[in-house]
Amino acid sequence: MSLLPSTGPGSGRAVRAVTRRELFRLGRAAEEGHWIRFHRAAMACRFEILLDGADDHHAAAAHEALDEADRLEAALSVFRETSALSRLNQTAAEAPAVMDPDLFALLVRCRDLHARTEGAFDITSTPLSRCWGFLRREGRLPSPEAIAAARALVGMSAVRFDESSRTIRFPRPGVELNLGSIGKGYALDRMAALMRRRGVGHALLSAGGSSAVALGGRHEGWTVDIRPRQAGDARLARLHLRDGALATSGAGEQFFEVEGKRYGHVIDPRTGWPAAGILSVSVVTAEGALSDALSTAFLVGGLDVARRYCASYPQTLALVTPDDGAPRPVVLGAFAGARVEVA
């Protein structure tokens, strides 16, 4: 998502140009006015905070929120050997690993979302991503034996939770947890909570051009255009959002082709093969972590999983775009703080 450049005080850092790698952008409805933008690199992406020019006295709160993103990266990144999550992956097959209360609660939530999405959301799927070569951006078609071996290490049933001692244990070596499909949204939730405590009532926080949390939203709310790059950057929908979270997932960022067949980087943990049939998914809920997780789950599980989830859990709005040659999103469910205009 590209946030608008500021014409007033801000972080003093350069403003980037819009790129085709983005999944959604701030709509033109927000261009009337004076905006202040703060940004920082964390979790292998760009975190941004947009404030109305009238709220420039909240600059300190914005910087403090970005500090929170740094702190969470140090705790959650599997690319840092010293992070709490990396230590868990290194030791939990040998002995129960004692978890920080916040991280343990997040992992419990991931377990519950795995069940609610019929196994489509799964933070244990790293062995499959490695098997297909996507961890190092070296996609390849693995043998059936390699897929079967990786699948033997995947599944939330391979993660044993002890809530009384707040520990996690893996039954065998090779099991790995990765929060890449929920971590950015979780960080935005924590950042937004900090800003609320500091008295900020109107701000848009985003991460990586694919996840956003809206605080407040004057008039019609924050206006966001959903533009999946798989659709040639055409706008699929415009969203007016107040006090909610949006996440968009698509399968086209990493892929390779073999004999004319395209294999994307999002793996279905239930089969061991790349997910297929859905071009993109955008999900709106009250929380960034939930929207992040569900956008991945619905990309994997497709319309059937998305329909059942939205029917069972109110305050879930999903735009699911089938890969059928004529991209137009199917709108499922509703969120009280969101209004959708389909292009």
C-alpha atoms as a PDB file:
ATOM      1  CA  MET A   1       0.000   0.000   0.000  1.00  0.00           C
ATOM      2  CA  SER A   2       1.369   3.419  -0.848  1.00  0.00           C
ATOM      3  CA  LEU A   3       0.613   6.094   1.704  1.00  0.00           C
ATOM      4  CA  LEU A   4       0.593   9.694   0.593  1.00  0.00           C
ATOM      5  CA  PRO A   5       3.689  11.872   1.050  1.00  0.00           C
ATOM      6  CA  SER A   6       3.584  14.535   3.734  1.00  0.00           C
ATOM      7  CA  THR A   7       3.779  18.247   3.045  1.00  0.00           C
ATOM      8  CA  GLY A   8       4.409  18.998   6.695  1.00  0.00           C
ATOM      9  CA  PRO A   9       6.480  17.703   9.606  1.00  0.00           C
ATOM     10  CA  GLY A  10       7.225  14.017   9.791  1.00  0.00           C
ATOM     11  CA  SER A  11      10.003  11.511  10.201  1.00  0.00           C
ATOM     12  CA  GLY A  12      12.284  13.274   7.727  1.00  0.00           C
ATOM     13  CA  ARG A  13      12.765  10.087   5.706  1.00  0.00           C
ATOM     14  CA  ALA A  14      12.314   9.651   1.970  1.00  0.00           C
ATOM     15  CA  VAL A  15       8.899   8.834   0.551  1.00  0.00           C
ATOM     16  CA  ARG A  16       8.845   5.858  -1.780  1.00  0.00           C
ATOM     17  CA  ALA A  17       7.055   5.649  -5.091  1.00  0.00           C
ATOM     18  CA  VAL A  18       4.144   3.318  -5.767  1.00  0.00           C
ATOM     19  CA  THR A  19       5.247  -0.079  -7.074  1.00  0.00           C
ATOM     20  CA  ARG A  20       3.429  -2.979  -8.690  1.00  0.00           C
ATOM     21  CA  ARG A  21       4.460  -5.217  -5.816  1.00  0.00           C
ATOM     22  CA  GLU A  22       1.802  -3.654  -3.600  1.00  0.00           C
ATOM     23  CA  LEU A  23      -1.484  -5.398  -2.916  1.00  0.00           C
ATOM     24  CA  PHE A  24      -3.544  -2.360  -1.946  1.00  0.00           C
ATOM     25  CA  ARG A  25      -3.207   1.404  -1.828  1.00  0.00           C
ATOM     26  CA  LEU A  26      -4.733   4.395  -0.161  1.00  0.00           C
ATOM     27  CA  GLY A  27      -7.570   5.597  -2.367  1.00  0.00           C
ATOM     28  CA  ARG A  28      -7.897   9.013  -3.946  1.00  0.00           C
ATOM     29  CA  ALA A  29     -10.541  10.030  -1.452  1.00  0.00           C
ATOM     30  CA  ALA A  30      -7.745  10.616   1.045  1.00  0.00           C
ATOM     31  CA  GLU A  31      -5.739  12.904  -1.210  1.00  0.00           C
ATOM     32  CA  GLU A  32      -7.617  15.983  -0.042  1.00  0.00           C
ATOM     33  CA  GLY A  33      -5.629  17.254   2.886  1.00  0.00           C
ATOM     34  CA  HIS A  34      -2.286  17.265   4.581  1.00  0.00           C
ATOM     35  CA  TRP A  35      -0.802  13.954   5.692  1.00  0.00           C
ATOM     36  CA  ILE A  36       2.199  13.008   7.803  1.00  0.00           C
ATOM     37  CA  ARG A  37       3.869   9.660   7.251  1.00  0.00           C
ATOM     38  CA  PHE A  38       6.338   7.746   9.421  1.00  0.00           C
ATOM     39  CA  HIS A  39       8.038   4.558   8.320  1.00  0.00           C
ATOM     40  CA  ARG A  40      10.660   1.998   9.238  1.00  0.00           C
ATOM     41  CA  ALA A  41      11.902  -1.359   7.931  1.00  0.00           C
ATOM     42  CA  ALA A  42      11.042  -4.331  10.150  1.00  0.00           C
ATOM     43  CA  MET A  43      10.054  -7.977   9.636  1.00  0.00           C
ATOM     44  CA  ALA A  44      11.498  -7.861   6.099  1.00  0.00           C
ATOM     45  CA  CYS A  45       8.994  -5.206   5.032  1.00  0.00           C
ATOM     46  CA  ARG A  46       8.110  -1.567   5.472  1.00  0.00           C
ATOM     47  CA  PHE A  47       5.942  -0.479   8.413  1.00  0.00           C
ATOM     48  CA  GLU A  48       4.179   2.846   7.914  1.00  0.00           C
ATOM     49  CA  ILE A  49       1.975   5.102  10.017  1.00  0.00           C
ATOM     50  CA  LEU A  50      -0.179   7.795   8.419  1.00  0.00           C
ATOM     51  CA  LEU A  51      -1.520  10.700  10.476  1.00  0.00           C
ATOM     52  CA  ASP A  52      -3.758  13.568   9.516  1.00  0.00           C
ATOM     53  CA  GLY A  53      -1.795  16.840   9.467  1.00  0.00           C
ATOM     54  CA  ALA A  54      -3.988  18.094  12.301  1.00  0.00           C
ATOM     55  CA  ASP A  55      -2.642  15.275  14.480  1.00  0.00           C
ATOM     56  CA  ASP A  56       1.047  16.163  14.210  1.00  0.00           C
ATOM     57  CA  HIS A  57       1.248  16.353  18.011  1.00  0.00           C
ATOM     58  CA  HIS A  58       1.056  12.521  17.958  1.00  0.00           C
ATOM     59  CA  ALA A  59       4.437  12.185  16.220  1.00  0.00           C
ATOM     60  CA  ALA A  60       6.111  10.830  19.374  1.00  0.00           C
ATOM     61  CA  ALA A  61       3.455   8.120  19.662  1.00  0.00           C
ATOM     62  CA  ALA A  62       4.071   7.113  16.045  1.00  0.00           C
ATOM     63  CA  HIS A  63       7.805   6.741  16.647  1.00  0.00           C
ATOM     64  CA  GLU A  64       7.124   4.732  19.801  1.00  0.00           C
ATOM     65  CA  ALA A  65       4.832   2.427  17.846  1.00  0.00           C
ATOM     66  CA  LEU A  66       7.565   1.815  15.260  1.00  0.00           C
ATOM     67  CA  ASP A  67       9.921   0.938  18.111  1.00  0.00           C
ATOM     68  CA  GLU A  68       7.380  -1.747  19.075  1.00  0.00           C
ATOM     69  CA  ALA A  69       7.670  -3.236  15.566  1.00  0.00           C
ATOM     70  CA  ASP A  70      11.438  -3.513  16.060  1.00  0.00           C
ATOM     71  CA  ARG A  71      10.965  -5.221  19.412  1.00  0.00           C
ATOM     72  CA  LEU A  72       8.516  -7.743  18.023  1.00  0.00           C
ATOM     73  CA  GLU A  73      10.790  -8.572  15.099  1.00  0.00           C
ATOM     74  CA  ALA A  74      13.532  -9.426  17.591  1.00  0.00           C
ATOM     75  CA  ALA A  75      11.132 -11.817  19.351  1.00  0.00           C
ATOM     76  CA  LEU A  76       9.233 -13.404  16.443  1.00  0.00           C
ATOM     77  CA  SER A  77      11.550 -13.602  13.438  1.00  0.00           C
ATOM     78  CA  VAL A  78      12.796 -17.044  12.427  1.00  0.00           C
ATOM     79  CA  PHE A  79      15.592 -15.260  10.569  1.00  0.00           C
ATOM     80  CA  ARG A  80      17.146 -14.198  13.875  1.00  0.00           C
ATOM     81  CA  GLU A  81      18.803 -17.077  15.705  1.00  0.00           C
ATOM     82  CA  THR A  82      18.411 -15.246  19.012  1.00  0.00           C
ATOM     83  CA  SER A  83      14.646 -14.686  18.731  1.00  0.00           C
ATOM     84  CA  ALA A  84      12.281 -16.455  21.108  1.00  0.00           C
ATOM     85  CA  LEU A  85      10.670 -18.279  18.193  1.00  0.00           C
ATOM     86  CA  SER A  86      14.030 -19.483  16.840  1.00  0.00           C
ATOM     87  CA  ARG A  87      15.018 -20.757  20.276  1.00  0.00           C
ATOM     88  CA  LEU A  88      11.722 -22.630  20.455  1.00  0.00           C
ATOM     89  CA  ASN A  89      12.392 -24.270  17.082  1.00  0.00           C
ATOM     90  CA  GLN A  90      15.909 -25.208  18.179  1.00  0.00           C
ATOM     91  CA  THR A  91      15.028 -26.787  21.531  1.00  0.00           C
ATOM     92  CA  ALA A  92      11.391 -27.938  21.692  1.00  0.00           C
ATOM     93  CA  ALA A  93      12.114 -31.394  20.259  1.00  0.00           C
ATOM     94  CA  GLU A  94      14.538 -32.047  23.116  1.00  0.00           C
ATOM     95  CA  ALA A  95      12.622 -30.631  26.080  1.00  0.00           C
ATOM     96  CA  PRO A  96       9.516 -28.521  26.762  1.00  0.00           C
ATOM     97  CA  ALA A  97      10.223 -24.871  25.950  1.00  0.00           C
ATOM     98  CA  VAL A  98       8.909 -22.275  28.389  1.00  0.00           C
ATOM     99  CA  MET A  99       7.240 -19.401  26.540  1.00  0.00           C
ATOM    100  CA  ASP A 100       6.751 -15.728  27.270  1.00  0.00           C
ATOM    101  CA  PRO A 101       3.027 -15.191  28.069  1.00  0.00           C
ATOM    102  CA  ASP A 102       2.391 -13.051  24.975  1.00  0.00           C
ATOM    103  CA  LEU A 103       4.101 -15.442  22.572  1.00  0.00           C
ATOM    104  CA  PHE A 104       2.416 -18.458  24.142  1.00  0.00           C
ATOM    105  CA  ALA A 105      -0.987 -16.756  23.770  1.00  0.00           C
ATOM    106  CA  LEU A 106      -0.246 -16.007  20.101  1.00  0.00           C
ATOM    107  CA  LEU A 107       0.724 -19.626  19.433  1.00  0.00           C
ATOM    108  CA  VAL A 108      -2.428 -20.858  21.151  1.00  0.00           C
ATOM    109  CA  ARG A 109      -4.399 -18.548  18.907  1.00  0.00           C
ATOM    110  CA  CYS A 110      -2.656 -20.016  15.863  1.00  0.00           C
ATOM    111  CA  ARG A 111      -3.627 -23.489  17.039  1.00  0.00           C
ATOM    112  CA  ASP A 112      -7.261 -22.392  17.377  1.00  0.00           C
ATOM    113  CA  LEU A 113      -7.287 -20.724  13.953  1.00  0.00           C
ATOM    114  CA  HIS A 114      -5.881 -23.912  12.442  1.00  0.00           C
ATOM    115  CA  ALA A 115      -8.971 -25.737  13.716  1.00  0.00           C
ATOM    116  CA  ARG A 116     -11.406 -22.985  12.707  1.00  0.00           C
ATOM    117  CA  THR A 117     -10.077 -22.886   9.137  1.00  0.00           C
ATOM    118  CA  GLU A 118     -10.165 -26.668   8.688  1.00  0.00           C
ATOM    119  CA  GLY A 119      -6.362 -26.879   8.653  1.00  0.00           C
ATOM    120  CA  ALA A 120      -5.866 -24.261   5.925  1.00  0.00           C
ATOM    121  CA  PHE A 121      -3.989 -21.937   8.308  1.00  0.00           C
ATOM    122  CA  ASP A 122      -0.926 -23.754   9.617  1.00  0.00           C
ATOM    123  CA  ILE A 123       2.218 -22.207  11.100  1.00  0.00           C
ATOM    124  CA  THR A 124       4.085 -25.552  10.857  1.00  0.00           C
ATOM    125  CA  SER A 125       4.326 -25.590   7.047  1.00  0.00           C
ATOM    126  CA  THR A 126       7.969 -24.434   6.777  1.00  0.00           C
ATOM    127  CA  PRO A 127       9.275 -27.946   5.886  1.00  0.00           C
ATOM    128  CA  LEU A 128       6.996 -27.902   2.836  1.00  0.00           C
ATOM    129  CA  SER A 129       8.166 -24.440   1.767  1.00  0.00           C
ATOM    130  CA  ARG A 130      11.751 -25.656   2.073  1.00  0.00           C
ATOM    131  CA  CYS A 131      10.941 -28.819   0.116  1.00  0.00           C
ATOM    132  CA  TRP A 132       9.555 -26.726  -2.762  1.00  0.00           C
ATOM    133  CA  GLY A 133      12.557 -24.356  -2.649  1.00  0.00           C
ATOM    134  CA  PHE A 134      10.576 -21.240  -1.776  1.00  0.00           C
ATOM    135  CA  LEU A 135      12.478 -20.386   1.407  1.00  0.00           C
ATOM    136  CA  ARG A 136      15.482 -19.385  -0.700  1.00  0.00           C
ATOM    137  CA  ARG A 137      13.462 -18.263  -3.731  1.00  0.00           C
ATOM    138  CA  GLU A 138      14.714 -21.294  -5.672  1.00  0.00           C
ATOM    139  CA  GLY A 139      11.417 -22.903  -6.614  1.00  0.00           C
ATOM    140  CA  ARG A 140      11.576 -26.486  -7.835  1.00  0.00           C
ATOM    141  CA  LEU A 141       9.277 -29.474  -8.329  1.00  0.00           C
ATOM    142  CA  PRO A 142      10.076 -31.993  -5.568  1.00  0.00           C
ATOM    143  CA  SER A 143       9.591 -35.726  -5.757  1.00  0.00           C
ATOM    144  CA  PRO A 144       6.506 -37.330  -4.203  1.00  0.00           C
ATOM    145  CA  GLU A 145       8.812 -38.928  -1.624  1.00  0.00           C
ATOM    146  CA  ALA A 146      10.225 -35.533  -0.629  1.00  0.00           C
ATOM    147  CA  ILE A 147       6.727 -34.074  -0.274  1.00  0.00           C
ATOM    148  CA  ALA A 148       5.636 -37.016   1.877  1.00  0.00           C
ATOM    149  CA  ALA A 149       8.706 -36.636   4.113  1.00  0.00           C
ATOM    150  CA  ALA A 150       8.000 -32.913   4.579  1.00  0.00           C
ATOM    151  CA  ARG A 151       4.318 -33.529   5.293  1.00  0.00           C
ATOM    152  CA  ALA A 152       5.291 -35.888   8.106  1.00  0.00           C
ATOM    153  CA  LEU A 153       6.679 -32.828   9.925  1.00  0.00           C
ATOM    154  CA  VAL A 154       3.665 -30.587   9.288  1.00  0.00           C
ATOM    155  CA  GLY A 155       0.452 -30.145  11.239  1.00  0.00           C
ATOM    156  CA  MET A 156      -0.570 -28.512  14.504  1.00  0.00           C
ATOM    157  CA  SER A 157      -1.035 -31.986  15.962  1.00  0.00           C
ATOM    158  CA  ALA A 158       2.781 -32.042  16.024  1.00  0.00           C
ATOM    159  CA  VAL A 159       2.813 -29.164  18.534  1.00  0.00           C
ATOM    160  CA  ARG A 160       2.050 -30.066  22.133  1.00  0.00           C
ATOM    161  CA  PHE A 161       0.810 -27.268  24.372  1.00  0.00           C
ATOM    162  CA  ASP A 162       0.883 -27.383  28.162  1.00  0.00           C
ATOM    163  CA  GLU A 163      -1.103 -24.393  29.349  1.00  0.00           C
ATOM    164  CA  SER A 164      -0.479 -25.070  33.021  1.00  0.00           C
ATOM    165  CA  SER A 165       3.290 -24.715  32.604  1.00  0.00           C
ATOM    166  CA  ARG A 166       3.118 -22.457  29.523  1.00  0.00           C
ATOM    167  CA  THR A 167       5.410 -24.769  27.578  1.00  0.00           C
ATOM    168  CA  ILE A 168       5.507 -26.152  24.054  1.00  0.00           C
ATOM    169  CA  ARG A 169       7.041 -29.447  22.979  1.00  0.00           C
ATOM    170  CA  PHE A 170       7.669 -31.008  19.569  1.00  0.00           C
ATOM    171  CA  PRO A 171       7.363 -34.812  19.347  1.00  0.00           C
ATOM    172  CA  ARG A 172      10.267 -35.116  16.888  1.00  0.00           C
ATOM    173  CA  PRO A 173      13.103 -33.078  15.360  1.00  0.00           C
ATOM    174  CA  GLY A 174      12.347 -31.138  12.190  1.00  0.00           C
ATOM    175  CA  VAL A 175       9.099 -29.510  13.318  1.00  0.00           C
ATOM    176  CA  GLU A 176       9.273 -25.722  12.875  1.00  0.00           C
ATOM    177  CA  LEU A 177       6.937 -22.831  13.611  1.00  0.00           C
ATOM    178  CA  ASN A 178       6.870 -19.725  11.415  1.00  0.00           C
ATOM    179  CA  LEU A 179       4.632 -16.724  12.095  1.00  0.00           C
ATOM    180  CA  GLY A 180       5.058 -15.113   8.682  1.00  0.00           C
ATOM    181  CA  SER A 181       1.345 -15.456   7.906  1.00  0.00           C
ATOM    182  CA  ILE A 182       0.206 -13.675  11.077  1.00  0.00           C
ATOM    183  CA  GLY A 183       3.206 -11.750  12.434  1.00  0.00           C
ATOM    184  CA  LYS A 184       2.745  -8.460  10.577  1.00  0.00           C
ATOM    185  CA  GLY A 185      -0.899  -8.194  11.576  1.00  0.00           C
ATOM    186  CA  TYR A 186      -0.035  -9.069  15.178  1.00  0.00           C
ATOM    187  CA  ALA A 187       2.632  -6.352  15.223  1.00  0.00           C
ATOM    188  CA  LEU A 188       0.161  -3.804  13.827  1.00  0.00           C
ATOM    189  CA  ASP A 189      -2.335  -4.728  16.557  1.00  0.00           C
ATOM    190  CA  ARG A 190       0.288  -4.134  19.236  1.00  0.00           C
ATOM    191  CA  MET A 191       1.341  -0.861  17.632  1.00  0.00           C
ATOM    192  CA  ALA A 192      -2.268   0.307  17.357  1.00  0.00           C
ATOM    193  CA  ALA A 193      -2.942  -0.555  21.010  1.00  0.00           C
ATOM    194  CA  LEU A 194       0.082   1.505  22.049  1.00  0.00           C
ATOM    195  CA  MET A 195      -1.107   4.472  19.998  1.00  0.00           C
ATOM    196  CA  ARG A 196      -4.592   4.253  21.481  1.00  0.00           C
ATOM    197  CA  ARG A 197      -3.070   4.346  24.969  1.00  0.00           C
ATOM    198  CA  ARG A 198      -1.216   7.496  23.927  1.00  0.00           C
ATOM    199  CA  GLY A 199      -4.481   9.140  22.939  1.00  0.00           C
ATOM    200  CA  VAL A 200      -4.314   8.683  19.153  1.00  0.00           C
ATOM    201  CA  GLY A 201      -7.794   8.332  17.709  1.00  0.00           C
ATOM    202  CA  HIS A 202      -7.156   8.627  13.979  1.00  0.00           C
ATOM    203  CA  ALA A 203      -4.300   6.858  12.159  1.00  0.00           C
ATOM    204  CA  LEU A 204      -3.661   4.219   9.514  1.00  0.00           C
ATOM    205  CA  LEU A 205      -0.920   1.678  10.202  1.00  0.00           C
ATOM    206  CA  SER A 206       0.325  -0.642   7.476  1.00  0.00           C
ATOM    207  CA  ALA A 207       2.973  -3.289   6.877  1.00  0.00           C
ATOM    208  CA  GLY A 208       4.401  -4.565   3.620  1.00  0.00           C
ATOM    209  CA  GLY A 209       1.644  -3.187   1.411  1.00  0.00           C
ATOM    210  CA  SER A 210      -0.575  -6.132   2.393  1.00  0.00           C
ATOM    211  CA  SER A 211      -1.696  -5.543   6.000  1.00  0.00           C
ATOM    212  CA  ALA A 212      -3.289  -2.492   7.625  1.00  0.00           C
ATOM    213  CA  VAL A 213      -5.013  -1.470  10.835  1.00  0.00           C
ATOM    214  CA  ALA A 214      -7.248   1.616  10.890  1.00  0.00           C
ATOM    215  CA  LEU A 215      -7.697   3.696  14.016  1.00  0.00           C
ATOM    216  CA  GLY A 216     -10.833   5.747  13.710  1.00  0.00           C
ATOM    217  CA  GLY A 217     -11.475   7.135  10.259  1.00  0.00           C
ATOM    218  CA  ARG A 218     -13.060  10.521   9.771  1.00  0.00           C
ATOM    219  CA  HIS A 219     -16.016  11.023   7.436  1.00  0.00           C
ATOM    220  CA  GLU A 220     -16.417   7.728   5.516  1.00  0.00           C
ATOM    221  CA  GLY A 221     -13.295   6.248   7.042  1.00  0.00           C
ATOM    222  CA  TRP A 222      -9.915   5.411   5.555  1.00  0.00           C
ATOM    223  CA  THR A 223     -10.257   4.680   1.839  1.00  0.00           C
ATOM    224  CA  VAL A 224      -8.162   1.819   0.498  1.00  0.00           C
ATOM    225  CA  ASP A 225      -8.002   0.496  -3.067  1.00  0.00           C
ATOM    226  CA  ILE A 226      -7.416  -3.244  -3.398  1.00  0.00           C
ATOM    227  CA  ARG A 227      -5.152  -3.879  -6.390  1.00  0.00           C
ATOM    228  CA  PRO A 228      -3.724  -7.419  -6.536  1.00  0.00           C
ATOM    229  CA  ARG A 229      -0.723  -7.541  -8.828  1.00  0.00           C
ATOM    230  CA  GLN A 230      -2.024 -10.795 -10.323  1.00  0.00           C
ATOM    231  CA  ALA A 231      -4.881  -8.734 -11.780  1.00  0.00           C
ATOM    232  CA  GLY A 232      -2.447  -6.502 -13.658  1.00  0.00           C
ATOM    233  CA  ASP A 233      -2.667  -3.879 -10.902  1.00  0.00           C
ATOM    234  CA  ALA A 234      -6.278  -3.082 -11.806  1.00  0.00           C
ATOM    235  CA  ARG A 235      -8.462  -2.023  -8.916  1.00  0.00           C
ATOM    236  CA  LEU A 236     -10.737  -4.869  -7.831  1.00  0.00           C
ATOM    237  CA  ALA A 237     -12.510  -2.958  -5.081  1.00  0.00           C
ATOM    238  CA  ARG A 238     -12.485   0.178  -2.951  1.00  0.00           C
ATOM    239  CA  LEU A 239     -12.859  -0.186   0.793  1.00  0.00           C
ATOM    240  CA  HIS A 240     -13.938   2.477   3.293  1.00  0.00           C
ATOM    241  CA  LEU A 241     -12.680   1.315   6.690  1.00  0.00           C
ATOM    242  CA  ARG A 242     -13.182   2.547  10.261  1.00  0.00           C
ATOM    243  CA  ASP A 243     -11.697   0.889  13.358  1.00  0.00           C
ATOM    244  CA  GLY A 244     -10.831  -2.355  11.630  1.00  0.00           C
ATOM    245  CA  ALA A 245      -8.039  -4.323   9.992  1.00  0.00           C
ATOM    246  CA  LEU A 246      -7.439  -5.398   6.397  1.00  0.00           C
ATOM    247  CA  ALA A 247      -5.083  -8.015   4.973  1.00  0.00           C
ATOM    248  CA  THR A 248      -4.635  -9.140   1.377  1.00  0.00           C
ATOM    249  CA  SER A 249      -2.900 -12.312   0.190  1.00  0.00           C
ATOM    250  CA  GLY A 250      -2.088 -13.454  -3.323  1.00  0.00           C
ATOM    251  CA  ALA A 251      -0.252 -16.396  -4.811  1.00  0.00           C
ATOM    252  CA  GLY A 252       1.630 -14.627  -7.577  1.00  0.00           C
ATOM    253  CA  GLU A 253       4.645 -13.054  -5.869  1.00  0.00           C
ATOM    254  CA  GLN A 254       6.800 -16.182  -6.016  1.00  0.00           C
ATOM    255  CA  PHE A 255       6.232 -18.962  -8.528  1.00  0.00           C
ATOM    256  CA  PHE A 256       7.901 -21.178 -11.095  1.00  0.00           C
ATOM    257  CA  GLU A 257       6.670 -23.065 -14.139  1.00  0.00           C
ATOM    258  CA  VAL A 258       7.222 -26.670 -15.230  1.00  0.00           C
ATOM    259  CA  GLU A 259       5.881 -27.799 -18.612  1.00  0.00           C
ATOM    260  CA  GLY A 260       3.546 -24.822 -18.718  1.00  0.00           C
ATOM    261  CA  LYS A 261       2.092 -25.389 -15.233  1.00  0.00           C
ATOM    262  CA  ARG A 262       2.521 -22.615 -12.678  1.00  0.00           C
ATOM    263  CA  TYR A 263       3.357 -23.402  -9.025  1.00  0.00           C
ATOM    264  CA  GLY A 264       2.917 -20.596  -6.471  1.00  0.00           C
ATOM    265  CA  HIS A 265       4.727 -20.167  -3.152  1.00  0.00           C
ATOM    266  CA  VAL A 266       1.664 -20.542  -0.888  1.00  0.00           C
ATOM    267  CA  ILE A 267       1.562 -24.219   0.070  1.00  0.00           C
ATOM    268  CA  ASP A 268      -1.571 -26.053   1.121  1.00  0.00           C
ATOM    269  CA  PRO A 269      -0.423 -27.853   4.279  1.00  0.00           C
ATOM    270  CA  ARG A 270      -3.225 -30.394   3.909  1.00  0.00           C
ATOM    271  CA  THR A 271      -1.895 -31.716   0.598  1.00  0.00           C
ATOM    272  CA  GLY A 272       1.726 -30.586   0.462  1.00  0.00           C
ATOM    273  CA  TRP A 273       1.145 -28.925  -2.923  1.00  0.00           C
ATOM    274  CA  PRO A 274       0.883 -25.219  -3.832  1.00  0.00           C
ATOM    275  CA  ALA A 275      -2.580 -23.737  -3.387  1.00  0.00           C
ATOM    276  CA  ALA A 276      -4.469 -23.162  -6.630  1.00  0.00           C
ATOM    277  CA  GLY A 277      -7.757 -21.733  -7.851  1.00  0.00           C
ATOM    278  CA  ILE A 278      -7.774 -18.384  -6.043  1.00  0.00           C
ATOM    279  CA  LEU A 279      -6.180 -15.228  -7.415  1.00  0.00           C
ATOM    280  CA  SER A 280      -6.312 -13.115  -4.262  1.00  0.00           C
ATOM    281  CA  VAL A 281      -8.091 -12.747  -0.939  1.00  0.00           C
ATOM    282  CA  SER A 282      -8.758  -9.646   1.147  1.00  0.00           C
ATOM    283  CA  VAL A 283     -10.173  -9.992   4.666  1.00  0.00           C
ATOM    284  CA  VAL A 284     -11.497  -7.356   7.073  1.00  0.00           C
ATOM    285  CA  THR A 285     -11.936  -8.083  10.775  1.00  0.00           C
ATOM    286  CA  ALA A 286     -11.442  -6.177  14.018  1.00  0.00           C
ATOM    287  CA  GLU A 287      -7.802  -7.304  14.372  1.00  0.00           C
ATOM    288  CA  GLY A 288      -4.742  -7.318  12.147  1.00  0.00           C
ATOM    289  CA  ALA A 289      -3.546 -10.745  13.287  1.00  0.00           C
ATOM    290  CA  LEU A 290      -6.893 -12.333  12.483  1.00  0.00           C
ATOM    291  CA  SER A 291      -7.190 -10.642   9.082  1.00  0.00           C
ATOM    292  CA  ASP A 292      -3.633 -11.713   8.212  1.00  0.00           C
ATOM    293  CA  ALA A 293      -4.230 -15.329   9.170  1.00  0.00           C
ATOM    294  CA  LEU A 294      -7.587 -15.577   7.404  1.00  0.00           C
ATOM    295  CA  SER A 295      -6.343 -14.048   4.155  1.00  0.00           C
ATOM    296  CA  THR A 296      -3.806 -16.882   3.928  1.00  0.00           C
ATOM    297  CA  ALA A 297      -6.295 -19.520   5.067  1.00  0.00           C
ATOM    298  CA  PHE A 298      -8.893 -18.495   2.468  1.00  0.00           C
ATOM    299  CA  LEU A 299      -6.252 -18.351  -0.273  1.00  0.00           C
ATOM    300  CA  VAL A 300      -5.430 -21.970   0.599  1.00  0.00           C
ATOM    301  CA  GLY A 301      -8.915 -23.224   1.430  1.00  0.00           C
ATOM    302  CA  GLY A 302     -10.763 -21.361  -1.308  1.00  0.00           C
ATOM    303  CA  LEU A 303     -14.367 -20.233  -1.429  1.00  0.00           C
ATOM    304  CA  ASP A 304     -15.731 -23.197   0.504  1.00  0.00           C
ATOM    305  CA  VAL A 305     -13.594 -22.575   3.599  1.00  0.00           C
ATOM    306  CA  ALA A 306     -14.175 -18.818   3.352  1.00  0.00           C
ATOM    307  CA  ARG A 307     -17.955 -19.233   3.114  1.00  0.00           C
ATOM    308  CA  ARG A 308     -18.146 -21.571   6.086  1.00  0.00           C
ATOM    309  CA  TYR A 309     -15.922 -19.363   8.219  1.00  0.00           C
ATOM    310  CA  CYS A 310     -17.776 -16.133   7.415  1.00  0.00           C
ATOM    311  CA  ALA A 311     -21.108 -17.834   8.114  1.00  0.00           C
ATOM    312  CA  SER A 312     -19.862 -19.064  11.496  1.00  0.00           C
ATOM    313  CA  TYR A 313     -17.968 -15.987  12.691  1.00  0.00           C
ATOM    314  CA  PRO A 314     -19.713 -12.594  12.403  1.00  0.00           C
ATOM    315  CA  GLN A 315     -17.726  -9.425  11.791  1.00  0.00           C
ATOM    316  CA  THR A 316     -15.688 -11.118   9.068  1.00  0.00           C
ATOM    317  CA  LEU A 317     -15.727  -9.617   5.579  1.00  0.00           C
ATOM    318  CA  ALA A 318     -13.893 -11.445   2.783  1.00  0.00           C
ATOM    319  CA  LEU A 319     -13.308 -10.593  -0.874  1.00  0.00           C
ATOM    320  CA  VAL A 320     -12.246 -13.803  -2.611  1.00  0.00           C
ATOM    321  CA  THR A 321     -11.215 -13.555  -6.265  1.00  0.00           C
ATOM    322  CA  PRO A 322     -11.260 -16.878  -8.157  1.00  0.00           C
ATOM    323  CA  ASP A 323      -8.563 -17.476 -10.756  1.00  0.00           C
ATOM    324  CA  ASP A 324     -11.090 -17.943 -13.553  1.00  0.00           C
ATOM    325  CA  GLY A 325      -9.822 -15.523 -16.186  1.00  0.00           C
ATOM    326  CA  ALA A 326     -12.289 -12.762 -15.332  1.00  0.00           C
ATOM    327  CA  PRO A 327     -11.159 -11.519 -11.932  1.00  0.00           C
ATOM    328  CA  ARG A 328     -14.041 -10.172  -9.900  1.00  0.00           C
ATOM    329  CA  PRO A 329     -14.189 -10.707  -6.134  1.00  0.00           C
ATOM    330  CA  VAL A 330     -16.902 -12.698  -4.426  1.00  0.00           C
ATOM    331  CA  VAL A 331     -17.963 -10.736  -1.337  1.00  0.00           C
ATOM    332  CA  LEU A 332     -18.674 -12.839   1.758  1.00  0.00           C
ATOM    333  CA  GLY A 333     -19.805 -11.789   5.229  1.00  0.00           C
ATOM    334  CA  ALA A 334     -19.742  -8.256   6.601  1.00  0.00           C
ATOM    335  CA  PHE A 335     -17.876  -5.960   8.980  1.00  0.00           C
ATOM    336  CA  ALA A 336     -19.681  -3.094  10.684  1.00  0.00           C
ATOM    337  CA  GLY A 337     -16.852  -0.627  10.081  1.00  0.00           C
ATOM    338  CA  ALA A 338     -16.385  -1.376   6.381  1.00  0.00           C
ATOM    339  CA  ARG A 339     -18.146  -0.435   3.155  1.00  0.00           C
ATOM    340  CA  VAL A 340     -17.081  -2.111  -0.081  1.00  0.00           C
ATOM    341  CA  GLU A 341     -17.358  -0.813  -3.643  1.00  0.00           C
ATOM    342  CA  VAL A 342     -16.545  -3.552  -6.141  1.00  0.00           C
ATOM    343  CA  ALA A 343     -14.942  -2.208  -9.321  1.00  0.00           C
END
